[in-house]
Amino acid sequence: MITEEDVLKAAALARLALEPGEAARRASELERILAHVDALRSLDLSRVEPTAHALELEDVFRADDPKPSGLSEELLAAAPERDGPYFKVPKVIE
């Protein structure tokens, strides 16, 4: 049985402010939630395989095959400053 005192302790730990009378409502709601959990515990799930998702999903992404884009010289040509094959930027860490 969850009491108002239990709810107030949990709220204090979670740093939640409850309105007057709210602890009683929350205690009642938690009791109903735990009743549903108890109902689920009574089910025989011995033949049910554990799953991460209810539906079978497949990876729809393509394989990651890195390859040169061929655009590096075009991109570097648009840079305000460059140092060889790199963008030159102002130093930000001392």
PDB file of N, CA and C in Angstrom:
ATOM      1  N   MET A   1       0.856  -1.186   0.000  1.00  0.00           N
ATOM      2  CA  MET A   1       0.000   0.000   0.000  1.00  0.00           C
ATOM      3  C   MET A   1       0.895   1.240   0.000  1.00  0.00           C
ATOM      4  N   ILE A   2       0.682   2.103  -0.942  1.00  0.00           N
ATOM      5  CA  ILE A   2       1.446   3.351  -1.015  1.00  0.00           C
ATOM      6  C   ILE A   2       0.679   4.422  -0.258  1.00  0.00           C
ATOM      7  N   THR A   3       1.381   5.079   0.629  1.00  0.00           N
ATOM      8  CA  THR A   3       0.740   6.116   1.445  1.00  0.00           C
ATOM      9  C   THR A   3       1.120   7.493   0.934  1.00  0.00           C
ATOM     10  N   GLU A   4       0.394   8.494   1.432  1.00  0.00           N
ATOM     11  CA  GLU A   4       0.721   9.881   1.099  1.00  0.00           C
ATOM     12  C   GLU A   4       2.136  10.211   1.557  1.00  0.00           C
ATOM     13  N   GLU A   5       2.523   9.626   2.673  1.00  0.00           N
ATOM     14  CA  GLU A   5       3.861   9.856   3.204  1.00  0.00           C
ATOM     15  C   GLU A   5       4.919   9.334   2.234  1.00  0.00           C
ATOM     16  N   ASP A   6       4.674   8.166   1.623  1.00  0.00           N
ATOM     17  CA  ASP A   6       5.593   7.610   0.624  1.00  0.00           C
ATOM     18  C   ASP A   6       5.727   8.561  -0.562  1.00  0.00           C
ATOM     19  N   VAL A   7       4.595   9.082  -1.009  1.00  0.00           N
ATOM     20  CA  VAL A   7       4.597   9.998  -2.150  1.00  0.00           C
ATOM     21  C   VAL A   7       5.362  11.267  -1.798  1.00  0.00           C
ATOM     22  N   LEU A   8       5.152  11.783  -0.608  1.00  0.00           N
ATOM     23  CA  LEU A   8       5.849  12.998  -0.204  1.00  0.00           C
ATOM     24  C   LEU A   8       7.356  12.771  -0.115  1.00  0.00           C
ATOM     25  N   LYS A   9       7.783  11.592   0.367  1.00  0.00           N
ATOM     26  CA  LYS A   9       9.213  11.271   0.431  1.00  0.00           C
ATOM     27  C   LYS A   9       9.805  11.202  -0.977  1.00  0.00           C
ATOM     28  N   ALA A  10       9.093  10.510  -1.874  1.00  0.00           N
ATOM     29  CA  ALA A  10       9.578  10.381  -3.255  1.00  0.00           C
ATOM     30  C   ALA A  10       9.625  11.742  -3.932  1.00  0.00           C
ATOM     31  N   ALA A  11       8.620  12.571  -3.690  1.00  0.00           N
ATOM     32  CA  ALA A  11       8.594  13.913  -4.282  1.00  0.00           C
ATOM     33  C   ALA A  11       9.764  14.747  -3.762  1.00  0.00           C
ATOM     34  N   ALA A  12      10.065  14.615  -2.484  1.00  0.00           N
ATOM     35  CA  ALA A  12      11.187  15.365  -1.916  1.00  0.00           C
ATOM     36  C   ALA A  12      12.503  14.907  -2.542  1.00  0.00           C
ATOM     37  N   LEU A  13      12.670  13.597  -2.725  1.00  0.00           N
ATOM     38  CA  LEU A  13      13.885  13.081  -3.349  1.00  0.00           C
ATOM     39  C   LEU A  13      14.020  13.551  -4.799  1.00  0.00           C
ATOM     40  N   ALA A  14      12.890  13.651  -5.487  1.00  0.00           N
ATOM     41  CA  ALA A  14      12.890  14.100  -6.881  1.00  0.00           C
ATOM     42  C   ALA A  14      12.821  15.615  -6.996  1.00  0.00           C
ATOM     43  N   ARG A  15      12.770  16.275  -5.853  1.00  0.00           N
ATOM     44  CA  ARG A  15      12.689  17.742  -5.793  1.00  0.00           C
ATOM     45  C   ARG A  15      11.473  18.271  -6.562  1.00  0.00           C
ATOM     46  N   LEU A  16      10.348  17.605  -6.317  1.00  0.00           N
ATOM     47  CA  LEU A  16       9.084  18.017  -6.923  1.00  0.00           C
ATOM     48  C   LEU A  16       8.229  18.718  -5.879  1.00  0.00           C
ATOM     49  N   ALA A  17       7.589  19.778  -6.283  1.00  0.00           N
ATOM     50  CA  ALA A  17       6.670  20.486  -5.394  1.00  0.00           C
ATOM     51  C   ALA A  17       5.256  19.986  -5.687  1.00  0.00           C
ATOM     52  N   LEU A  18       4.577  19.516  -4.659  1.00  0.00           N
ATOM     53  CA  LEU A  18       3.215  19.025  -4.828  1.00  0.00           C
ATOM     54  C   LEU A  18       2.237  20.025  -4.239  1.00  0.00           C
ATOM     55  N   GLU A  19       1.115  20.161  -4.908  1.00  0.00           N
ATOM     56  CA  GLU A  19       0.042  21.021  -4.414  1.00  0.00           C
ATOM     57  C   GLU A  19      -0.643  20.320  -3.238  1.00  0.00           C
ATOM     58  N   PRO A  20      -1.316  21.063  -2.370  1.00  0.00           N
ATOM     59  CA  PRO A  20      -2.060  20.425  -1.267  1.00  0.00           C
ATOM     60  C   PRO A  20      -3.087  19.427  -1.816  1.00  0.00           C
ATOM     61  N   GLY A  21      -3.113  18.246  -1.252  1.00  0.00           N
ATOM     62  CA  GLY A  21      -4.047  17.212  -1.690  1.00  0.00           C
ATOM     63  C   GLY A  21      -3.542  16.388  -2.866  1.00  0.00           C
ATOM     64  N   GLU A  22      -2.470  16.824  -3.495  1.00  0.00           N
ATOM     65  CA  GLU A  22      -1.965  16.106  -4.656  1.00  0.00           C
ATOM     66  C   GLU A  22      -1.315  14.778  -4.254  1.00  0.00           C
ATOM     67  N   ALA A  23      -0.735  14.717  -3.080  1.00  0.00           N
ATOM     68  CA  ALA A  23      -0.080  13.489  -2.626  1.00  0.00           C
ATOM     69  C   ALA A  23      -1.087  12.345  -2.532  1.00  0.00           C
ATOM     70  N   ALA A  24      -2.298  12.626  -2.077  1.00  0.00           N
ATOM     71  CA  ALA A  24      -3.323  11.588  -1.979  1.00  0.00           C
ATOM     72  C   ALA A  24      -3.709  11.076  -3.360  1.00  0.00           C
ATOM     73  N   ARG A  25      -3.855  11.989  -4.328  1.00  0.00           N
ATOM     74  CA  ARG A  25      -4.198  11.578  -5.691  1.00  0.00           C
ATOM     75  C   ARG A  25      -3.073  10.739  -6.297  1.00  0.00           C
ATOM     76  N   ARG A  26      -1.849  11.177  -6.101  1.00  0.00           N
ATOM     77  CA  ARG A  26      -0.701  10.455  -6.662  1.00  0.00           C
ATOM     78  C   ARG A  26      -0.565   9.070  -6.024  1.00  0.00           C
ATOM     79  N   ALA A  27      -0.832   8.966  -4.733  1.00  0.00           N
ATOM     80  CA  ALA A  27      -0.773   7.667  -4.064  1.00  0.00           C
ATOM     81  C   ALA A  27      -1.801   6.725  -4.686  1.00  0.00           C
ATOM     82  N   SER A  28      -2.983   7.228  -4.942  1.00  0.00           N
ATOM     83  CA  SER A  28      -4.037   6.426  -5.568  1.00  0.00           C
ATOM     84  C   SER A  28      -3.629   5.999  -6.981  1.00  0.00           C
ATOM     85  N   GLU A  29      -3.052   6.921  -7.748  1.00  0.00           N
ATOM     86  CA  GLU A  29      -2.621   6.605  -9.109  1.00  0.00           C
ATOM     87  C   GLU A  29      -1.512   5.549  -9.098  1.00  0.00           C
ATOM     88  N   LEU A  30      -0.568   5.683  -8.183  1.00  0.00           N
ATOM     89  CA  LEU A  30       0.516   4.710  -8.091  1.00  0.00           C
ATOM     90  C   LEU A  30      -0.003   3.331  -7.703  1.00  0.00           C
ATOM     91  N   GLU A  31      -1.001   3.290  -6.829  1.00  0.00           N
ATOM     92  CA  GLU A  31      -1.609   2.012  -6.457  1.00  0.00           C
ATOM     93  C   GLU A  31      -2.219   1.335  -7.681  1.00  0.00           C
ATOM     94  N   ARG A  32      -2.915   2.108  -8.519  1.00  0.00           N
ATOM     95  CA  ARG A  32      -3.524   1.534  -9.728  1.00  0.00           C
ATOM     96  C   ARG A  32      -2.455   1.051 -10.698  1.00  0.00           C
ATOM     97  N   ILE A  33      -1.366   1.809 -10.841  1.00  0.00           N
ATOM     98  CA  ILE A  33      -0.272   1.395 -11.729  1.00  0.00           C
ATOM     99  C   ILE A  33       0.338   0.091 -11.239  1.00  0.00           C
ATOM    100  N   LEU A  34       0.582  -0.008  -9.937  1.00  0.00           N
ATOM    101  CA  LEU A  34       1.169  -1.230  -9.386  1.00  0.00           C
ATOM    102  C   LEU A  34       0.218  -2.418  -9.514  1.00  0.00           C
ATOM    103  N   ALA A  35      -1.074  -2.172  -9.472  1.00  0.00           N
ATOM    104  CA  ALA A  35      -2.042  -3.252  -9.680  1.00  0.00           C
ATOM    105  C   ALA A  35      -1.928  -3.792 -11.103  1.00  0.00           C
ATOM    106  N   HIS A  36      -1.719  -2.907 -12.074  1.00  0.00           N
ATOM    107  CA  HIS A  36      -1.524  -3.350 -13.460  1.00  0.00           C
ATOM    108  C   HIS A  36      -0.223  -4.146 -13.591  1.00  0.00           C
ATOM    109  N   VAL A  37       0.830  -3.708 -12.919  1.00  0.00           N
ATOM    110  CA  VAL A  37       2.104  -4.435 -12.952  1.00  0.00           C
ATOM    111  C   VAL A  37       1.921  -5.823 -12.358  1.00  0.00           C
ATOM    112  N   ASP A  38       1.190  -5.926 -11.262  1.00  0.00           N
ATOM    113  CA  ASP A  38       0.923  -7.233 -10.660  1.00  0.00           C
ATOM    114  C   ASP A  38       0.148  -8.141 -11.620  1.00  0.00           C
ATOM    115  N   ALA A  39      -0.797  -7.564 -12.366  1.00  0.00           N
ATOM    116  CA  ALA A  39      -1.555  -8.344 -13.350  1.00  0.00           C
ATOM    117  C   ALA A  39      -0.618  -8.860 -14.436  1.00  0.00           C
ATOM    118  N   LEU A  40       0.344  -8.053 -14.857  1.00  0.00           N
ATOM    119  CA  LEU A  40       1.300  -8.500 -15.868  1.00  0.00           C
ATOM    120  C   LEU A  40       2.215  -9.593 -15.327  1.00  0.00           C
ATOM    121  N   ARG A  41       2.559  -9.506 -14.061  1.00  0.00           N
ATOM    122  CA  ARG A  41       3.432 -10.510 -13.455  1.00  0.00           C
ATOM    123  C   ARG A  41       2.765 -11.885 -13.421  1.00  0.00           C
ATOM    124  N   SER A  42       1.450 -11.931 -13.408  1.00  0.00           N
ATOM    125  CA  SER A  42       0.746 -13.209 -13.324  1.00  0.00           C
ATOM    126  C   SER A  42       0.692 -13.937 -14.669  1.00  0.00           C
ATOM    127  N   LEU A  43       1.100 -13.295 -15.750  1.00  0.00           N
ATOM    128  CA  LEU A  43       1.067 -13.930 -17.062  1.00  0.00           C
ATOM    129  C   LEU A  43       2.208 -14.926 -17.219  1.00  0.00           C
ATOM    130  N   ASP A  44       1.939 -16.011 -17.942  1.00  0.00           N
ATOM    131  CA  ASP A  44       2.973 -17.009 -18.233  1.00  0.00           C
ATOM    132  C   ASP A  44       3.679 -16.594 -19.511  1.00  0.00           C
ATOM    133  N   LEU A  45       4.897 -16.111 -19.381  1.00  0.00           N
ATOM    134  CA  LEU A  45       5.665 -15.653 -20.526  1.00  0.00           C
ATOM    135  C   LEU A  45       6.853 -16.574 -20.811  1.00  0.00           C
ATOM    136  N   SER A  46       6.792 -17.793 -20.321  1.00  0.00           N
ATOM    137  CA  SER A  46       7.917 -18.712 -20.474  1.00  0.00           C
ATOM    138  C   SER A  46       8.194 -19.071 -21.931  1.00  0.00           C
ATOM    139  N   ARG A  47       7.175 -19.021 -22.797  1.00  0.00           N
ATOM    140  CA  ARG A  47       7.383 -19.362 -24.201  1.00  0.00           C
ATOM    141  C   ARG A  47       7.523 -18.136 -25.094  1.00  0.00           C
ATOM    142  N   VAL A  48       7.611 -16.970 -24.506  1.00  0.00           N
ATOM    143  CA  VAL A  48       7.753 -15.744 -25.275  1.00  0.00           C
ATOM    144  C   VAL A  48       9.222 -15.326 -25.268  1.00  0.00           C
ATOM    145  N   GLU A  49       9.787 -15.169 -26.473  1.00  0.00           N
ATOM    146  CA  GLU A  49      11.191 -14.785 -26.565  1.00  0.00           C
ATOM    147  C   GLU A  49      11.339 -13.291 -26.258  1.00  0.00           C
ATOM    148  N   PRO A  50      12.414 -12.936 -25.567  1.00  0.00           N
ATOM    149  CA  PRO A  50      12.660 -11.515 -25.307  1.00  0.00           C
ATOM    150  C   PRO A  50      12.887 -10.764 -26.619  1.00  0.00           C
ATOM    151  N   THR A  51      12.337  -9.580 -26.703  1.00  0.00           N
ATOM    152  CA  THR A  51      12.510  -8.764 -27.897  1.00  0.00           C
ATOM    153  C   THR A  51      12.841  -7.335 -27.503  1.00  0.00           C
ATOM    154  N   ALA A  52      13.505  -6.643 -28.403  1.00  0.00           N
ATOM    155  CA  ALA A  52      13.797  -5.236 -28.181  1.00  0.00           C
ATOM    156  C   ALA A  52      12.719  -4.384 -28.829  1.00  0.00           C
ATOM    157  N   HIS A  53      11.969  -4.982 -29.752  1.00  0.00           N
ATOM    158  CA  HIS A  53      10.936  -4.239 -30.465  1.00  0.00           C
ATOM    159  C   HIS A  53       9.835  -5.218 -30.844  1.00  0.00           C
ATOM    160  N   ALA A  54       8.617  -4.768 -30.893  1.00  0.00           N
ATOM    161  CA  ALA A  54       7.490  -5.651 -31.202  1.00  0.00           C
ATOM    162  C   ALA A  54       7.504  -6.110 -32.657  1.00  0.00           C
ATOM    163  N   LEU A  55       8.067  -5.304 -33.542  1.00  0.00           N
ATOM    164  CA  LEU A  55       8.118  -5.644 -34.959  1.00  0.00           C
ATOM    165  C   LEU A  55       9.543  -5.998 -35.355  1.00  0.00           C
ATOM    166  N   GLU A  56       9.683  -6.866 -36.358  1.00  0.00           N
ATOM    167  CA  GLU A  56      11.018  -7.164 -36.851  1.00  0.00           C
ATOM    168  C   GLU A  56      11.464  -6.025 -37.751  1.00  0.00           C
ATOM    169  N   LEU A  57      12.562  -5.397 -37.393  1.00  0.00           N
ATOM    170  CA  LEU A  57      13.075  -4.279 -38.168  1.00  0.00           C
ATOM    171  C   LEU A  57      14.388  -4.656 -38.815  1.00  0.00           C
ATOM    172  N   GLU A  58      14.622  -4.115 -39.988  1.00  0.00           N
ATOM    173  CA  GLU A  58      15.883  -4.336 -40.670  1.00  0.00           C
ATOM    174  C   GLU A  58      16.555  -2.992 -40.881  1.00  0.00           C
ATOM    175  N   ASP A  59      17.870  -3.033 -40.951  1.00  0.00           N
ATOM    176  CA  ASP A  59      18.624  -1.820 -41.210  1.00  0.00           C
ATOM    177  C   ASP A  59      18.370  -1.385 -42.655  1.00  0.00           C
ATOM    178  N   VAL A  60      17.859  -0.181 -42.831  1.00  0.00           N
ATOM    179  CA  VAL A  60      17.535   0.291 -44.176  1.00  0.00           C
ATOM    180  C   VAL A  60      18.599   1.229 -44.725  1.00  0.00           C
ATOM    181  N   PHE A  61      19.676   1.412 -43.991  1.00  0.00           N
ATOM    182  CA  PHE A  61      20.731   2.298 -44.447  1.00  0.00           C
ATOM    183  C   PHE A  61      21.707   1.543 -45.337  1.00  0.00           C
ATOM    184  N   ARG A  62      22.313   2.260 -46.227  1.00  0.00           N
ATOM    185  CA  ARG A  62      23.317   1.651 -47.092  1.00  0.00           C
ATOM    186  C   ARG A  62      24.599   1.428 -46.302  1.00  0.00           C
ATOM    187  N   ALA A  63      25.453   0.608 -46.836  1.00  0.00           N
ATOM    188  CA  ALA A  63      26.748   0.374 -46.193  1.00  0.00           C
ATOM    189  C   ALA A  63      27.574   1.656 -46.256  1.00  0.00           C
ATOM    190  N   ASP A  64      28.363   1.887 -45.232  1.00  0.00           N
ATOM    191  CA  ASP A  64      29.198   3.077 -45.180  1.00  0.00           C
ATOM    192  C   ASP A  64      30.526   2.777 -45.853  1.00  0.00           C
ATOM    193  N   ASP A  65      30.618   3.116 -47.123  1.00  0.00           N
ATOM    194  CA  ASP A  65      31.832   2.896 -47.891  1.00  0.00           C
ATOM    195  C   ASP A  65      32.475   4.244 -48.184  1.00  0.00           C
ATOM    196  N   PRO A  66      33.472   4.660 -47.390  1.00  0.00           N
ATOM    197  CA  PRO A  66      34.094   5.959 -47.630  1.00  0.00           C
ATOM    198  C   PRO A  66      34.875   5.960 -48.943  1.00  0.00           C
ATOM    199  N   LYS A  67      34.768   7.070 -49.651  1.00  0.00           N
ATOM    200  CA  LYS A  67      35.516   7.235 -50.899  1.00  0.00           C
ATOM    201  C   LYS A  67      35.727   8.725 -51.125  1.00  0.00           C
ATOM    202  N   PRO A  68      36.743   9.103 -51.841  1.00  0.00           N
ATOM    203  CA  PRO A  68      37.001  10.525 -52.065  1.00  0.00           C
ATOM    204  C   PRO A  68      35.879  11.155 -52.881  1.00  0.00           C
ATOM    205  N   SER A  69      35.535  12.393 -52.534  1.00  0.00           N
ATOM    206  CA  SER A  69      34.449  13.069 -53.239  1.00  0.00           C
ATOM    207  C   SER A  69      34.922  13.720 -54.522  1.00  0.00           C
ATOM    208  N   GLY A  70      36.205  14.023 -54.577  1.00  0.00           N
ATOM    209  CA  GLY A  70      36.716  14.687 -55.768  1.00  0.00           C
ATOM    210  C   GLY A  70      36.468  16.182 -55.746  1.00  0.00           C
ATOM    211  N   LEU A  71      35.902  16.705 -54.657  1.00  0.00           N
ATOM    212  CA  LEU A  71      35.587  18.122 -54.571  1.00  0.00           C
ATOM    213  C   LEU A  71      36.562  18.896 -53.697  1.00  0.00           C
ATOM    214  N   SER A  72      37.558  18.234 -53.129  1.00  0.00           N
ATOM    215  CA  SER A  72      38.412  18.902 -52.145  1.00  0.00           C
ATOM    216  C   SER A  72      39.078  20.154 -52.705  1.00  0.00           C
ATOM    217  N   GLU A  73      39.571  20.128 -53.926  1.00  0.00           N
ATOM    218  CA  GLU A  73      40.241  21.312 -54.484  1.00  0.00           C
ATOM    219  C   GLU A  73      39.245  22.442 -54.716  1.00  0.00           C
ATOM    220  N   GLU A  74      38.027  22.113 -55.145  1.00  0.00           N
ATOM    221  CA  GLU A  74      36.996  23.140 -55.341  1.00  0.00           C
ATOM    222  C   GLU A  74      36.631  23.793 -54.009  1.00  0.00           C
ATOM    223  N   LEU A  75      36.490  22.981 -52.971  1.00  0.00           N
ATOM    224  CA  LEU A  75      36.138  23.514 -51.658  1.00  0.00           C
ATOM    225  C   LEU A  75      37.261  24.365 -51.090  1.00  0.00           C
ATOM    226  N   LEU A  76      38.490  23.895 -51.203  1.00  0.00           N
ATOM    227  CA  LEU A  76      39.620  24.667 -50.688  1.00  0.00           C
ATOM    228  C   LEU A  76      39.809  25.961 -51.464  1.00  0.00           C
ATOM    229  N   ALA A  77      39.456  25.987 -52.721  1.00  0.00           N
ATOM    230  CA  ALA A  77      39.571  27.209 -53.524  1.00  0.00           C
ATOM    231  C   ALA A  77      38.619  28.281 -53.005  1.00  0.00           C
ATOM    232  N   ALA A  78      37.518  27.883 -52.373  1.00  0.00           N
ATOM    233  CA  ALA A  78      36.544  28.846 -51.847  1.00  0.00           C
ATOM    234  C   ALA A  78      36.890  29.314 -50.444  1.00  0.00           C
ATOM    235  N   ALA A  79      37.929  28.738 -49.835  1.00  0.00           N
ATOM    236  CA  ALA A  79      38.295  29.092 -48.461  1.00  0.00           C
ATOM    237  C   ALA A  79      38.978  30.455 -48.435  1.00  0.00           C
ATOM    238  N   PRO A  80      38.693  31.268 -47.399  1.00  0.00           N
ATOM    239  CA  PRO A  80      39.362  32.567 -47.282  1.00  0.00           C
ATOM    240  C   PRO A  80      40.878  32.409 -47.147  1.00  0.00           C
ATOM    241  N   GLU A  81      41.312  31.401 -46.376  1.00  0.00           N
ATOM    242  CA  GLU A  81      42.740  31.110 -46.230  1.00  0.00           C
ATOM    243  C   GLU A  81      42.912  29.601 -46.193  1.00  0.00           C
ATOM    244  N   ARG A  82      44.062  29.153 -46.656  1.00  0.00           N
ATOM    245  CA  ARG A  82      44.338  27.726 -46.596  1.00  0.00           C
ATOM    246  C   ARG A  82      45.811  27.496 -46.312  1.00  0.00           C
ATOM    247  N   ASP A  83      46.090  26.329 -45.778  1.00  0.00           N
ATOM    248  CA  ASP A  83      47.457  25.929 -45.480  1.00  0.00           C
ATOM    249  C   ASP A  83      47.639  24.544 -46.088  1.00  0.00           C
ATOM    250  N   GLY A  84      48.143  24.511 -47.288  1.00  0.00           N
ATOM    251  CA  GLY A  84      48.265  23.242 -48.005  1.00  0.00           C
ATOM    252  C   GLY A  84      46.887  22.677 -48.288  1.00  0.00           C
ATOM    253  N   PRO A  85      46.627  21.422 -47.930  1.00  0.00           N
ATOM    254  CA  PRO A  85      45.315  20.829 -48.201  1.00  0.00           C
ATOM    255  C   PRO A  85      44.298  21.059 -47.073  1.00  0.00           C
ATOM    256  N   TYR A  86      44.517  22.076 -46.218  1.00  0.00           N
ATOM    257  CA  TYR A  86      43.648  22.313 -45.062  1.00  0.00           C
ATOM    258  C   TYR A  86      43.107  23.733 -45.069  1.00  0.00           C
ATOM    259  N   PHE A  87      41.946  23.919 -44.438  1.00  0.00           N
ATOM    260  CA  PHE A  87      41.423  25.258 -44.182  1.00  0.00           C
ATOM    261  C   PHE A  87      42.264  25.884 -43.081  1.00  0.00           C
ATOM    262  N   LYS A  88      42.593  27.148 -43.195  1.00  0.00           N
ATOM    263  CA  LYS A  88      43.329  27.839 -42.145  1.00  0.00           C
ATOM    264  C   LYS A  88      42.329  28.703 -41.389  1.00  0.00           C
ATOM    265  N   VAL A  89      42.262  28.503 -40.083  1.00  0.00           N
ATOM    266  CA  VAL A  89      41.315  29.237 -39.235  1.00  0.00           C
ATOM    267  C   VAL A  89      42.077  29.898 -38.100  1.00  0.00           C
ATOM    268  N   PRO A  90      41.500  30.960 -37.483  1.00  0.00           N
ATOM    269  CA  PRO A  90      42.180  31.612 -36.376  1.00  0.00           C
ATOM    270  C   PRO A  90      42.286  30.666 -35.168  1.00  0.00           C
ATOM    271  N   LYS A  91      43.350  30.810 -34.411  1.00  0.00           N
ATOM    272  CA  LYS A  91      43.550  30.024 -33.214  1.00  0.00           C
ATOM    273  C   LYS A  91      42.538  30.471 -32.165  1.00  0.00           C
ATOM    274  N   VAL A  92      41.846  29.521 -31.537  1.00  0.00           N
ATOM    275  CA  VAL A  92      40.846  29.875 -30.536  1.00  0.00           C
ATOM    276  C   VAL A  92      41.218  29.365 -29.145  1.00  0.00           C
ATOM    277  N   ILE A  93      42.209  28.480 -29.057  1.00  0.00           N
ATOM    278  CA  ILE A  93      42.633  27.941 -27.770  1.00  0.00           C
ATOM    279  C   ILE A  93      44.052  28.408 -27.498  1.00  0.00           C
ATOM    280  N   GLU A  94      44.258  28.926 -26.319  1.00  0.00           N
ATOM    281  CA  GLU A  94      45.598  29.412 -25.985  1.00  0.00           C
ATOM    282  C   GLU A  94      46.352  28.422 -25.171  1.00  0.00           C
TER     283      GLU A  94
END
